Structure formats: structure tokens, C-alpha cells
Amino acid sequence: METWYRTGDTTLLSDGIVWSVLPTFPEGGQYVGRKAVEEQFFTRIMKHFSDYVTLPHSVTAKGKRVATTGVYRVRTARGQSGDIAFAHLWTVENGEITALHQVADTAAIQKLLGSGELVL
């Protein structure tokens, strides 16, 4: 996971990865397949932010499961900045990342984005 957080190299993702993001997070939902993660999730999420860095604070692994906590350090397209707490639950099999379940402080990110309603 260290390589993933350092580089964001999508070749570490399996072709059939299941990438699940809270529905109340910008561009939340489920993306299936590396191509969907690259072309849909990452492309769409960056429309909301001028800067978006993932900073892990702790990583715990047991078998094929890896849990990470940390913050997203973001700056919105409108210039608002802050740190958003997250937890990532990963599955790693045969050296490939096969699943992500993301949980984050969606209230804080919605506040930063400045909308009175949820971004879906």
C-alpha cells in the first residue's frame, strides 16, 4: 500500500477492482474495473478540486485485508482548503489491489465545497 499512496500508480489495481466510495462523497458510488476508476472516478473527482493529496497516517494489514486511516488534504476549485479524515479498507490478492471501500468525513467535504446540498 505504501507504493499506492506514494505514487497512485493505477497499474497496482486489478483489472476487475471494485472501488466503492460513500455516496455522499463527491462522485461517490461503485466503480468496477481499473478503467472505470481511472477514467470515471479520478477524472470526475478532480473537477471539484485544484489540489487533492491523500496522506495516510496508519496502515494495518492482516492477511489480504489492509486498513488505512489518514486525511485528504484538499483545495477546492473555489480555493477553500482543509483536511478531510478518511478510512480505506483494501483487499490485496496476488500482489494486486482488488477492492477498496472508502469512508470519509463527508460533512466536512460538503462544507468545504460550499454547497447547501449534497454533491452527488
Protein backbone atom coordinates (compact mmCIF):
# COMPACT_ATOMS: atom_id res chain seq x y z
CA MET A 1 0.00 0.00 0.00
CA GLU A 2 2.97 2.28 0.54
CA THR A 3 3.62 2.34 -3.22
CA TRP A 4 -0.03 3.13 -3.94
CA TYR A 5 -0.13 6.09 -1.55
CA ARG A 6 3.23 7.38 -2.75
CA THR A 7 2.59 7.08 -6.50
CA GLY A 8 -1.12 6.50 -7.20
CA ASP A 9 0.05 4.03 -9.86
CA THR A 10 -3.17 2.55 -11.21
CA THR A 11 -1.31 -0.47 -12.61
CA LEU A 12 -1.38 -1.71 -8.99
CA LEU A 13 -5.17 -2.09 -9.35
CA SER A 14 -6.57 -5.35 -10.67
CA ASP A 15 -8.45 -5.15 -13.94
CA GLY A 16 -11.62 -6.15 -12.05
CA ILE A 17 -11.22 -3.95 -8.95
CA VAL A 18 -14.38 -2.98 -7.09
CA TRP A 19 -13.88 0.64 -5.95
CA SER A 20 -16.58 1.77 -3.51
CA VAL A 21 -16.87 5.36 -2.31
CA LEU A 22 -19.55 6.70 0.04
CA PRO A 23 -22.48 8.03 -1.99
CA THR A 24 -22.37 11.33 -0.06
CA PHE A 25 -18.75 11.90 -1.12
CA PRO A 26 -18.25 13.82 -4.39
CA GLU A 27 -18.50 11.33 -7.27
CA GLY A 28 -19.37 8.61 -4.77
CA GLY A 29 -20.65 5.25 -5.83
CA GLN A 30 -19.22 1.98 -7.04
CA TYR A 31 -16.76 1.73 -9.92
CA VAL A 32 -15.90 -1.68 -11.31
CA GLY A 33 -12.66 -2.17 -13.20
CA ARG A 34 -9.40 -0.26 -13.38
CA LYS A 35 -10.53 1.65 -16.46
CA ALA A 36 -13.66 2.90 -14.64
CA VAL A 37 -11.56 4.04 -11.67
CA GLU A 38 -9.09 5.85 -13.93
CA GLU A 39 -11.48 7.34 -16.47
CA GLN A 40 -14.56 7.94 -14.35
CA PHE A 41 -13.73 8.33 -10.66
CA PHE A 42 -10.36 10.11 -10.83
CA THR A 43 -11.32 12.29 -13.80
CA ARG A 44 -14.59 13.36 -12.17
CA ILE A 45 -13.27 13.91 -8.63
CA MET A 46 -10.61 16.32 -9.86
CA LYS A 47 -13.28 18.60 -11.32
CA HIS A 48 -14.11 19.56 -7.71
CA PHE A 49 -10.53 20.25 -6.58
CA SER A 50 -7.45 22.15 -7.68
CA ASP A 51 -5.35 20.09 -5.25
CA TYR A 52 -6.10 16.66 -3.74
CA VAL A 53 -3.45 14.75 -1.80
CA THR A 54 -4.03 11.54 0.18
CA LEU A 55 -1.93 11.37 3.36
CA PRO A 56 -2.08 8.05 5.22
CA HIS A 57 -1.43 8.16 8.97
CA SER A 58 -1.73 4.49 9.85
CA VAL A 59 -1.73 1.24 7.90
CA THR A 60 -2.71 -2.11 9.41
CA ALA A 61 -2.57 -5.35 7.44
CA LYS A 62 -3.87 -8.82 8.23
CA GLY A 63 -3.89 -11.42 5.50
CA LYS A 64 -5.33 -9.92 2.34
CA ARG A 65 -7.03 -7.04 4.19
CA VAL A 66 -5.41 -3.64 4.73
CA ALA A 67 -6.93 -0.77 6.73
CA THR A 68 -5.60 2.77 6.35
CA THR A 69 -6.60 5.96 8.13
CA GLY A 70 -5.47 9.44 7.25
CA VAL A 71 -6.57 12.69 5.65
CA TYR A 72 -7.26 14.04 2.22
CA ARG A 73 -5.54 17.45 2.04
CA VAL A 74 -7.66 19.32 -0.47
CA ARG A 75 -8.16 22.69 -2.08
CA THR A 76 -11.46 23.15 -3.85
CA ALA A 77 -11.80 24.67 -7.28
CA ARG A 78 -13.07 27.80 -5.45
CA GLY A 79 -9.94 27.98 -3.26
CA GLN A 80 -11.26 26.56 0.03
CA SER A 81 -8.75 24.22 1.70
CA GLY A 82 -8.79 21.71 4.53
CA ASP A 83 -8.05 18.21 5.73
CA ILE A 84 -10.78 15.56 5.43
CA ALA A 85 -10.48 12.41 7.58
CA PHE A 86 -10.77 9.06 5.79
CA ALA A 87 -10.57 5.32 6.33
CA HIS A 88 -9.75 2.99 3.45
CA LEU A 89 -10.41 -0.73 3.63
CA TRP A 90 -8.46 -2.55 0.93
CA THR A 91 -8.27 -6.11 -0.34
CA VAL A 92 -4.97 -7.17 -1.87
CA GLU A 93 -4.67 -10.53 -3.64
CA ASN A 94 -1.70 -11.92 -5.57
CA GLY A 95 0.03 -8.55 -5.45
CA GLU A 96 -2.92 -6.62 -6.90
CA ILE A 97 -5.43 -4.33 -5.22
CA THR A 98 -8.80 -5.98 -5.85
CA ALA A 99 -11.14 -3.83 -3.72
CA LEU A 100 -11.45 -0.50 -1.93
CA HIS A 101 -14.14 0.57 0.47
CA GLN A 102 -13.75 4.26 1.32
CA VAL A 103 -15.26 6.07 4.30
CA ALA A 104 -14.68 9.79 4.83
CA ASP A 105 -15.95 12.84 6.69
CA THR A 106 -18.46 13.78 4.03
CA ALA A 107 -19.99 16.59 6.11
CA ALA A 108 -16.60 18.32 6.21
CA ILE A 109 -16.02 17.94 2.49
CA GLN A 110 -19.52 19.19 1.68
CA LYS A 111 -18.86 22.24 3.87
CA LEU A 112 -15.59 22.92 2.04
CA LEU A 113 -17.32 22.60 -1.30
CA GLY A 114 -19.72 25.25 -0.01
CA SER A 115 -22.96 23.81 -1.21
CA GLY A 116 -26.05 23.82 0.92
CA GLU A 117 -26.92 20.48 -0.54
CA LEU A 118 -25.00 17.27 -1.00
CA VAL A 119 -22.84 16.81 -4.08
CA LEU A 120 -23.87 13.50 -5.66
